[in-house]
Amino acid sequence: MAYIAVNTTDTFVRLDIKDYSLAANANAAFATTANVLTVPSLQDITVNATPGLFRWQELGFLSEKVVTTPSTNSINTTLVLDDTAFFTGNASTAGIFDLTNNKTQVFFRLYWAGDDSGDKYIQGSGYLSALAPTVSPTAPVWTAPVTIEVVGDYQSGTV
């Protein structure tokens, strides 16, 4: 058994996003690093892959029946805000604020433990939401939760 460690040299979680209009699919979006925005300063990340369920009871049975319905998929993260990634972006992919504010669909790729040959990732497309930057005297840098609401299914792959 091999654990997916993210606390060793060069094995870090990485989240890349790219404007949906710049590529035909997620594989094409990340075939080159051109216009890819790497989201900096991730504090935590949660991948949700939650199949929906429809339950019902029938007379004469002691247990419920259940069937699956379409999944609700999302990625939730908290990041320390970086001026460039948050406001400016790069040549063709806007910053996180504008991508969220303008409801721009993005491709995303989440590397589980680095991006070296053999490393695993999931990818897909979605919309950034739940952006809520905060700052306080005891946390004097801006941080923000961000959610990627996934459109459709995740795809998994290996670098």
N, C-alpha and C. Protein backbone atom coordinates (compact mmCIF):
# COMPACT_ATOMS: atom_id res chain seq x y z
N MET A 1 0.84 -1.16 0.00
CA MET A 1 0.00 0.00 0.00
C MET A 1 0.90 1.24 0.00
N ALA A 2 0.52 2.23 -0.79
CA ALA A 2 1.28 3.47 -0.85
C ALA A 2 0.36 4.64 -0.50
N TYR A 3 0.75 5.40 0.50
CA TYR A 3 -0.03 6.56 0.90
C TYR A 3 0.30 7.73 -0.01
N ILE A 4 -0.65 8.65 -0.16
CA ILE A 4 -0.42 9.85 -0.95
C ILE A 4 0.02 10.95 0.01
N ALA A 5 1.31 11.11 0.15
CA ALA A 5 1.85 12.10 1.08
C ALA A 5 2.03 13.45 0.37
N VAL A 6 1.77 14.52 1.10
CA VAL A 6 1.95 15.86 0.54
C VAL A 6 2.85 16.72 1.42
N ASN A 7 3.65 16.08 2.24
CA ASN A 7 4.49 16.84 3.16
C ASN A 7 5.97 16.53 2.99
N THR A 8 6.35 16.05 1.82
CA THR A 8 7.76 15.80 1.55
C THR A 8 8.22 16.74 0.44
N THR A 9 9.51 16.79 0.22
CA THR A 9 10.06 17.68 -0.79
C THR A 9 9.47 17.38 -2.15
N ASP A 10 8.95 18.41 -2.79
CA ASP A 10 8.43 18.34 -4.16
C ASP A 10 7.21 17.42 -4.32
N THR A 11 6.46 17.20 -3.25
CA THR A 11 5.20 16.45 -3.39
C THR A 11 4.10 17.28 -2.75
N PHE A 12 3.65 18.27 -3.47
CA PHE A 12 2.66 19.19 -2.93
C PHE A 12 1.40 19.17 -3.79
N VAL A 13 0.29 19.43 -3.14
CA VAL A 13 -0.97 19.60 -3.85
C VAL A 13 -0.86 20.85 -4.71
N ARG A 14 -1.35 20.78 -5.93
CA ARG A 14 -1.33 21.94 -6.81
C ARG A 14 -2.64 22.03 -7.56
N LEU A 15 -3.19 23.23 -7.65
CA LEU A 15 -4.45 23.47 -8.36
C LEU A 15 -4.20 24.46 -9.48
N ASP A 16 -4.43 24.02 -10.71
CA ASP A 16 -4.30 24.88 -11.89
C ASP A 16 -5.68 25.13 -12.47
N ILE A 17 -5.89 26.37 -12.96
CA ILE A 17 -7.13 26.69 -13.66
C ILE A 17 -6.81 27.41 -14.96
N LYS A 18 -7.74 27.32 -15.90
CA LYS A 18 -7.56 27.96 -17.20
C LYS A 18 -8.93 28.31 -17.74
N ASP A 19 -9.05 29.48 -18.34
CA ASP A 19 -10.31 29.92 -18.93
C ASP A 19 -10.83 28.86 -19.90
N TYR A 20 -12.08 28.51 -19.75
CA TYR A 20 -12.72 27.45 -20.54
C TYR A 20 -12.70 27.75 -22.04
N SER A 21 -12.75 29.02 -22.38
CA SER A 21 -12.81 29.40 -23.80
C SER A 21 -11.48 29.19 -24.53
N LEU A 22 -10.41 28.87 -23.80
CA LEU A 22 -9.09 28.74 -24.41
C LEU A 22 -8.74 27.34 -24.88
N ALA A 23 -9.61 26.36 -24.64
CA ALA A 23 -9.28 24.98 -25.01
C ALA A 23 -10.56 24.19 -25.28
N ALA A 24 -10.42 23.11 -26.02
CA ALA A 24 -11.55 22.28 -26.38
C ALA A 24 -11.96 21.34 -25.25
N ASN A 25 -11.00 20.94 -24.42
CA ASN A 25 -11.28 20.03 -23.31
C ASN A 25 -10.17 20.17 -22.27
N ALA A 26 -10.34 19.48 -21.15
CA ALA A 26 -9.37 19.64 -20.05
C ALA A 26 -7.99 19.14 -20.44
N ASN A 27 -7.90 18.05 -21.18
CA ASN A 27 -6.58 17.56 -21.59
C ASN A 27 -5.87 18.59 -22.46
N ALA A 28 -6.59 19.19 -23.40
CA ALA A 28 -5.99 20.21 -24.25
C ALA A 28 -5.63 21.46 -23.44
N ALA A 29 -6.45 21.78 -22.43
CA ALA A 29 -6.20 22.97 -21.61
C ALA A 29 -4.87 22.89 -20.89
N PHE A 30 -4.48 21.69 -20.47
CA PHE A 30 -3.26 21.55 -19.69
C PHE A 30 -2.12 20.88 -20.45
N ALA A 31 -2.26 20.76 -21.77
CA ALA A 31 -1.20 20.18 -22.59
C ALA A 31 0.03 21.08 -22.58
N THR A 32 -0.19 22.38 -22.43
CA THR A 32 0.92 23.34 -22.27
C THR A 32 0.63 24.19 -21.05
N THR A 33 1.63 24.87 -20.56
CA THR A 33 1.42 25.74 -19.40
C THR A 33 0.99 27.15 -19.79
N ALA A 34 0.84 27.40 -21.10
CA ALA A 34 0.43 28.73 -21.55
C ALA A 34 -0.94 29.08 -20.98
N ASN A 35 -1.04 30.23 -20.37
CA ASN A 35 -2.28 30.78 -19.84
C ASN A 35 -2.89 29.97 -18.70
N VAL A 36 -2.12 29.08 -18.10
CA VAL A 36 -2.57 28.33 -16.93
C VAL A 36 -2.27 29.17 -15.69
N LEU A 37 -3.25 29.32 -14.84
CA LEU A 37 -3.08 30.05 -13.59
C LEU A 37 -2.97 29.03 -12.46
N THR A 38 -1.80 28.95 -11.85
CA THR A 38 -1.61 28.07 -10.70
C THR A 38 -2.07 28.84 -9.47
N VAL A 39 -3.03 28.28 -8.76
CA VAL A 39 -3.59 28.95 -7.58
C VAL A 39 -2.57 28.84 -6.46
N PRO A 40 -2.03 29.98 -5.98
CA PRO A 40 -0.98 29.93 -4.97
C PRO A 40 -1.54 29.83 -3.56
N SER A 41 -0.68 29.46 -2.64
CA SER A 41 -0.93 29.57 -1.20
C SER A 41 -2.18 28.83 -0.73
N LEU A 42 -2.35 27.59 -1.18
CA LEU A 42 -3.47 26.79 -0.70
C LEU A 42 -3.26 26.45 0.77
N GLN A 43 -4.30 26.64 1.57
CA GLN A 43 -4.22 26.28 2.99
C GLN A 43 -4.83 24.91 3.24
N ASP A 44 -5.88 24.60 2.55
CA ASP A 44 -6.53 23.30 2.66
C ASP A 44 -7.33 23.07 1.39
N ILE A 45 -7.69 21.83 1.17
CA ILE A 45 -8.48 21.51 -0.02
C ILE A 45 -9.32 20.27 0.28
N THR A 46 -10.56 20.29 -0.19
CA THR A 46 -11.48 19.17 -0.02
C THR A 46 -12.09 18.84 -1.36
N VAL A 47 -12.01 17.59 -1.77
CA VAL A 47 -12.62 17.13 -3.01
C VAL A 47 -13.92 16.41 -2.65
N ASN A 48 -15.03 16.91 -3.18
CA ASN A 48 -16.33 16.29 -2.93
C ASN A 48 -16.81 15.58 -4.19
N ALA A 49 -17.13 14.33 -4.05
CA ALA A 49 -17.72 13.53 -5.12
C ALA A 49 -18.90 12.79 -4.49
N THR A 50 -20.05 13.42 -4.52
CA THR A 50 -21.18 12.94 -3.76
C THR A 50 -22.32 12.50 -4.66
N PRO A 51 -22.50 11.20 -4.83
CA PRO A 51 -23.65 10.75 -5.63
C PRO A 51 -24.94 11.11 -4.91
N GLY A 52 -25.90 11.58 -5.69
CA GLY A 52 -27.20 11.84 -5.11
C GLY A 52 -27.92 10.52 -4.87
N LEU A 53 -28.85 10.54 -3.94
CA LEU A 53 -29.60 9.34 -3.62
C LEU A 53 -31.08 9.66 -3.54
N PHE A 54 -31.89 8.76 -4.05
CA PHE A 54 -33.34 8.85 -3.88
C PHE A 54 -33.76 7.64 -3.06
N ARG A 55 -34.40 7.90 -1.93
CA ARG A 55 -34.81 6.83 -1.01
C ARG A 55 -36.33 6.78 -0.91
N TRP A 56 -36.84 5.60 -0.70
CA TRP A 56 -38.26 5.44 -0.44
C TRP A 56 -38.50 4.20 0.40
N GLN A 57 -39.65 4.20 1.05
CA GLN A 57 -40.05 3.05 1.85
C GLN A 57 -41.27 2.39 1.20
N GLU A 58 -41.32 1.09 1.34
CA GLU A 58 -42.47 0.34 0.84
C GLU A 58 -43.09 -0.43 1.98
N LEU A 59 -44.41 -0.49 1.96
CA LEU A 59 -45.11 -1.30 2.95
C LEU A 59 -44.69 -2.75 2.79
N GLY A 60 -44.46 -3.42 3.87
CA GLY A 60 -44.06 -4.83 3.82
C GLY A 60 -42.56 -5.05 3.82
N PHE A 61 -41.76 -3.96 3.84
CA PHE A 61 -40.30 -4.09 3.91
C PHE A 61 -39.79 -3.36 5.15
N LEU A 62 -38.79 -3.91 5.80
CA LEU A 62 -38.25 -3.30 7.01
C LEU A 62 -37.13 -2.30 6.71
N SER A 63 -36.64 -2.26 5.49
CA SER A 63 -35.55 -1.36 5.12
C SER A 63 -35.92 -0.52 3.92
N GLU A 64 -35.25 0.62 3.79
CA GLU A 64 -35.49 1.53 2.68
C GLU A 64 -34.92 0.99 1.38
N LYS A 65 -35.48 1.42 0.29
CA LYS A 65 -34.93 1.19 -1.04
C LYS A 65 -34.15 2.45 -1.42
N VAL A 66 -33.15 2.31 -2.27
CA VAL A 66 -32.35 3.46 -2.67
C VAL A 66 -31.83 3.27 -4.09
N VAL A 67 -31.82 4.34 -4.85
CA VAL A 67 -31.17 4.38 -6.17
C VAL A 67 -30.35 5.66 -6.23
N THR A 68 -29.30 5.63 -7.04
CA THR A 68 -28.46 6.82 -7.17
C THR A 68 -29.03 7.77 -8.21
N THR A 69 -28.75 9.03 -8.01
CA THR A 69 -29.08 10.09 -8.96
C THR A 69 -27.78 10.79 -9.31
N PRO A 70 -27.77 11.77 -10.20
CA PRO A 70 -26.51 12.41 -10.57
C PRO A 70 -25.73 12.96 -9.37
N SER A 71 -24.41 12.90 -9.48
CA SER A 71 -23.52 13.35 -8.41
C SER A 71 -23.45 14.87 -8.35
N THR A 72 -23.17 15.36 -7.17
CA THR A 72 -22.82 16.76 -6.96
C THR A 72 -21.34 16.78 -6.66
N ASN A 73 -20.54 17.35 -7.56
CA ASN A 73 -19.09 17.36 -7.42
C ASN A 73 -18.59 18.79 -7.21
N SER A 74 -17.65 18.94 -6.29
CA SER A 74 -17.07 20.26 -6.06
C SER A 74 -15.71 20.11 -5.40
N ILE A 75 -14.93 21.16 -5.51
CA ILE A 75 -13.64 21.26 -4.83
C ILE A 75 -13.69 22.52 -3.98
N ASN A 76 -13.42 22.38 -2.70
CA ASN A 76 -13.42 23.52 -1.77
C ASN A 76 -12.00 23.74 -1.29
N THR A 77 -11.58 24.99 -1.28
CA THR A 77 -10.24 25.31 -0.80
C THR A 77 -10.25 26.65 -0.09
N THR A 78 -9.23 26.87 0.69
CA THR A 78 -8.98 28.17 1.30
C THR A 78 -7.57 28.57 0.89
N LEU A 79 -7.40 29.81 0.50
CA LEU A 79 -6.09 30.26 0.07
C LEU A 79 -5.75 31.61 0.65
N VAL A 80 -4.47 31.85 0.80
CA VAL A 80 -3.97 33.18 1.15
C VAL A 80 -3.89 33.95 -0.17
N LEU A 81 -4.50 35.12 -0.21
CA LEU A 81 -4.62 35.84 -1.47
C LEU A 81 -3.30 36.42 -1.94
N ASP A 82 -3.04 36.21 -3.20
CA ASP A 82 -1.88 36.73 -3.91
C ASP A 82 -2.42 37.76 -4.90
N ASP A 83 -1.85 38.95 -4.90
CA ASP A 83 -2.34 40.05 -5.74
C ASP A 83 -2.47 39.64 -7.21
N THR A 84 -1.46 39.00 -7.74
CA THR A 84 -1.49 38.63 -9.16
C THR A 84 -2.57 37.59 -9.45
N ALA A 85 -2.57 36.51 -8.71
CA ALA A 85 -3.55 35.44 -8.96
C ALA A 85 -4.96 35.91 -8.68
N PHE A 86 -5.16 36.76 -7.67
CA PHE A 86 -6.50 37.18 -7.30
C PHE A 86 -7.06 38.23 -8.25
N PHE A 87 -6.24 39.23 -8.60
CA PHE A 87 -6.76 40.34 -9.42
C PHE A 87 -6.32 40.28 -10.88
N THR A 88 -5.06 40.03 -11.16
CA THR A 88 -4.52 40.19 -12.50
C THR A 88 -4.66 38.95 -13.35
N GLY A 89 -4.33 37.79 -12.82
CA GLY A 89 -4.31 36.58 -13.63
C GLY A 89 -3.09 36.58 -14.52
N ASN A 90 -3.25 36.03 -15.73
CA ASN A 90 -2.14 36.06 -16.68
C ASN A 90 -2.66 36.54 -18.03
N ALA A 91 -1.92 36.33 -19.08
CA ALA A 91 -2.25 36.90 -20.39
C ALA A 91 -3.69 36.62 -20.83
N SER A 92 -4.19 35.41 -20.63
CA SER A 92 -5.52 35.07 -21.14
C SER A 92 -6.48 34.53 -20.09
N THR A 93 -6.00 34.16 -18.94
CA THR A 93 -6.87 33.69 -17.86
C THR A 93 -6.92 34.78 -16.81
N ALA A 94 -8.11 35.31 -16.58
CA ALA A 94 -8.29 36.40 -15.62
C ALA A 94 -7.96 35.94 -14.22
N GLY A 95 -7.91 36.88 -13.28
CA GLY A 95 -7.67 36.55 -11.88
C GLY A 95 -8.89 35.89 -11.26
N ILE A 96 -8.70 35.31 -10.10
CA ILE A 96 -9.76 34.57 -9.42
C ILE A 96 -10.99 35.44 -9.17
N PHE A 97 -10.78 36.70 -8.78
CA PHE A 97 -11.92 37.58 -8.55
C PHE A 97 -12.76 37.76 -9.81
N ASP A 98 -12.11 38.09 -10.93
CA ASP A 98 -12.85 38.31 -12.17
C ASP A 98 -13.48 37.02 -12.70
N LEU A 99 -12.79 35.89 -12.57
CA LEU A 99 -13.38 34.62 -13.01
C LEU A 99 -14.66 34.33 -12.24
N THR A 100 -14.64 34.63 -10.94
CA THR A 100 -15.83 34.41 -10.11
C THR A 100 -16.90 35.43 -10.44
N ASN A 101 -16.53 36.71 -10.43
CA ASN A 101 -17.47 37.79 -10.65
C ASN A 101 -18.15 37.73 -12.01
N ASN A 102 -17.39 37.33 -13.04
CA ASN A 102 -17.94 37.28 -14.40
C ASN A 102 -18.56 35.93 -14.74
N LYS A 103 -18.60 35.02 -13.76
CA LYS A 103 -19.19 33.69 -13.96
C LYS A 103 -18.56 32.97 -15.14
N THR A 104 -17.22 33.01 -15.20
CA THR A 104 -16.47 32.40 -16.29
C THR A 104 -16.22 30.93 -15.99
N GLN A 105 -16.60 30.06 -16.89
CA GLN A 105 -16.31 28.65 -16.72
C GLN A 105 -14.82 28.42 -16.90
N VAL A 106 -14.25 27.54 -16.07
CA VAL A 106 -12.82 27.24 -16.13
C VAL A 106 -12.60 25.74 -16.25
N PHE A 107 -11.45 25.38 -16.81
CA PHE A 107 -10.95 24.02 -16.68
C PHE A 107 -10.09 24.03 -15.42
N PHE A 108 -10.06 22.93 -14.70
CA PHE A 108 -9.20 22.82 -13.53
C PHE A 108 -8.48 21.48 -13.58
N ARG A 109 -7.32 21.46 -12.96
CA ARG A 109 -6.58 20.22 -12.75
C ARG A 109 -5.99 20.28 -11.35
N LEU A 110 -6.29 19.28 -10.54
CA LEU A 110 -5.79 19.18 -9.18
C LEU A 110 -4.80 18.03 -9.10
N TYR A 111 -3.54 18.38 -8.88
CA TYR A 111 -2.48 17.40 -8.71
C TYR A 111 -2.47 16.98 -7.24
N TRP A 112 -2.58 15.69 -6.96
CA TRP A 112 -2.70 15.20 -5.60
C TRP A 112 -1.40 15.29 -4.82
N ALA A 113 -0.26 15.09 -5.47
CA ALA A 113 1.02 15.10 -4.75
C ALA A 113 2.14 15.46 -5.70
N GLY A 114 2.01 16.57 -6.38
CA GLY A 114 3.04 17.01 -7.31
C GLY A 114 2.67 16.72 -8.75
N ASP A 115 3.54 17.18 -9.66
CA ASP A 115 3.26 17.03 -11.09
C ASP A 115 4.42 16.37 -11.82
N ASP A 116 5.12 15.46 -11.12
CA ASP A 116 6.19 14.69 -11.74
C ASP A 116 5.59 13.49 -12.46
N SER A 117 6.37 12.90 -13.34
CA SER A 117 5.92 11.71 -14.07
C SER A 117 5.42 10.65 -13.09
N GLY A 118 4.23 10.13 -13.36
CA GLY A 118 3.63 9.11 -12.51
C GLY A 118 2.69 9.64 -11.45
N ASP A 119 2.69 10.97 -11.22
CA ASP A 119 1.79 11.55 -10.22
C ASP A 119 0.36 11.59 -10.74
N LYS A 120 -0.59 11.52 -9.83
CA LYS A 120 -2.02 11.46 -10.16
C LYS A 120 -2.66 12.85 -10.12
N TYR A 121 -3.71 13.03 -10.92
CA TYR A 121 -4.49 14.26 -10.89
C TYR A 121 -5.94 13.94 -11.20
N ILE A 122 -6.81 14.89 -10.85
CA ILE A 122 -8.19 14.89 -11.35
C ILE A 122 -8.39 16.20 -12.06
N GLN A 123 -9.30 16.21 -13.02
CA GLN A 123 -9.54 17.42 -13.79
C GLN A 123 -11.00 17.47 -14.22
N GLY A 124 -11.39 18.61 -14.74
CA GLY A 124 -12.73 18.80 -15.25
C GLY A 124 -12.96 20.27 -15.53
N SER A 125 -14.21 20.65 -15.55
CA SER A 125 -14.54 22.06 -15.74
C SER A 125 -15.57 22.46 -14.69
N GLY A 126 -15.66 23.76 -14.45
CA GLY A 126 -16.61 24.23 -13.45
C GLY A 126 -16.57 25.74 -13.32
N TYR A 127 -17.27 26.20 -12.31
CA TYR A 127 -17.37 27.63 -12.03
C TYR A 127 -16.83 27.90 -10.63
N LEU A 128 -16.11 29.00 -10.46
CA LEU A 128 -15.64 29.40 -9.14
C LEU A 128 -16.81 30.06 -8.41
N SER A 129 -16.96 29.72 -7.13
CA SER A 129 -18.03 30.31 -6.34
C SER A 129 -17.60 30.40 -4.88
N ALA A 130 -18.48 30.91 -4.04
CA ALA A 130 -18.28 30.99 -2.59
C ALA A 130 -17.05 31.81 -2.21
N LEU A 131 -16.66 32.74 -3.06
CA LEU A 131 -15.52 33.61 -2.79
C LEU A 131 -15.91 34.58 -1.68
N ALA A 132 -15.17 34.56 -0.57
CA ALA A 132 -15.50 35.42 0.57
C ALA A 132 -14.21 35.82 1.29
N PRO A 133 -13.45 36.77 0.73
CA PRO A 133 -12.19 37.18 1.36
C PRO A 133 -12.41 37.79 2.74
N THR A 134 -11.50 37.46 3.67
CA THR A 134 -11.56 38.02 5.02
C THR A 134 -10.16 38.40 5.48
N VAL A 135 -10.12 39.34 6.41
CA VAL A 135 -8.88 39.74 7.07
C VAL A 135 -9.25 40.20 8.47
N SER A 136 -8.35 40.05 9.43
CA SER A 136 -8.62 40.49 10.79
C SER A 136 -7.30 40.84 11.47
N PRO A 137 -7.36 41.48 12.64
CA PRO A 137 -6.11 41.82 13.34
C PRO A 137 -5.28 40.59 13.71
N THR A 138 -5.92 39.47 13.96
CA THR A 138 -5.17 38.28 14.34
C THR A 138 -4.78 37.41 13.14
N ALA A 139 -5.34 37.72 11.98
CA ALA A 139 -4.97 37.06 10.72
C ALA A 139 -4.77 38.17 9.69
N PRO A 140 -3.61 38.85 9.71
CA PRO A 140 -3.44 40.09 8.98
C PRO A 140 -3.10 39.95 7.49
N VAL A 141 -3.39 38.81 6.91
CA VAL A 141 -3.32 38.68 5.46
C VAL A 141 -4.69 38.23 4.97
N TRP A 142 -5.04 38.65 3.77
CA TRP A 142 -6.33 38.27 3.21
C TRP A 142 -6.34 36.78 2.90
N THR A 143 -7.38 36.09 3.33
CA THR A 143 -7.61 34.70 2.98
C THR A 143 -9.01 34.60 2.41
N ALA A 144 -9.25 33.56 1.63
CA ALA A 144 -10.58 33.40 1.04
C ALA A 144 -10.89 31.94 0.78
N PRO A 145 -12.10 31.53 1.13
CA PRO A 145 -12.55 30.23 0.66
C PRO A 145 -12.97 30.37 -0.81
N VAL A 146 -12.73 29.34 -1.58
CA VAL A 146 -13.15 29.30 -2.99
C VAL A 146 -13.66 27.89 -3.27
N THR A 147 -14.76 27.81 -3.96
CA THR A 147 -15.32 26.52 -4.36
C THR A 147 -15.33 26.45 -5.88
N ILE A 148 -14.94 25.31 -6.42
CA ILE A 148 -15.15 25.04 -7.84
C ILE A 148 -16.36 24.13 -7.93
N GLU A 149 -17.45 24.63 -8.47
CA GLU A 149 -18.65 23.83 -8.69
C GLU A 149 -18.45 23.10 -10.01
N VAL A 150 -18.24 21.79 -9.94
CA VAL A 150 -17.86 21.00 -11.11
C VAL A 150 -19.06 20.79 -12.02
N VAL A 151 -18.82 21.01 -13.32
CA VAL A 151 -19.83 20.73 -14.34
C VAL A 151 -19.57 19.30 -14.84
N GLY A 152 -20.46 18.40 -14.54
CA GLY A 152 -20.28 17.02 -14.99
C GLY A 152 -19.38 16.23 -14.08
N ASP A 153 -18.66 15.28 -14.69
CA ASP A 153 -17.83 14.33 -13.95
C ASP A 153 -16.39 14.81 -13.84
N TYR A 154 -15.69 14.27 -12.85
CA TYR A 154 -14.24 14.38 -12.79
C TYR A 154 -13.66 13.39 -13.80
N GLN A 155 -12.48 13.70 -14.30
CA GLN A 155 -11.66 12.73 -15.03
C GLN A 155 -10.37 12.60 -14.25
N SER A 156 -9.84 11.40 -14.17
CA SER A 156 -8.58 11.21 -13.46
C SER A 156 -7.51 10.83 -14.47
N GLY A 157 -6.27 11.10 -14.11
CA GLY A 157 -5.17 10.78 -14.99
C GLY A 157 -3.86 10.70 -14.25
N THR A 158 -2.82 10.41 -14.99
CA THR A 158 -1.46 10.31 -14.46
C THR A 158 -0.55 11.17 -15.32
N VAL A 159 0.30 11.94 -14.67
CA VAL A 159 1.23 12.80 -15.40
C VAL A 159 2.17 11.93 -16.21
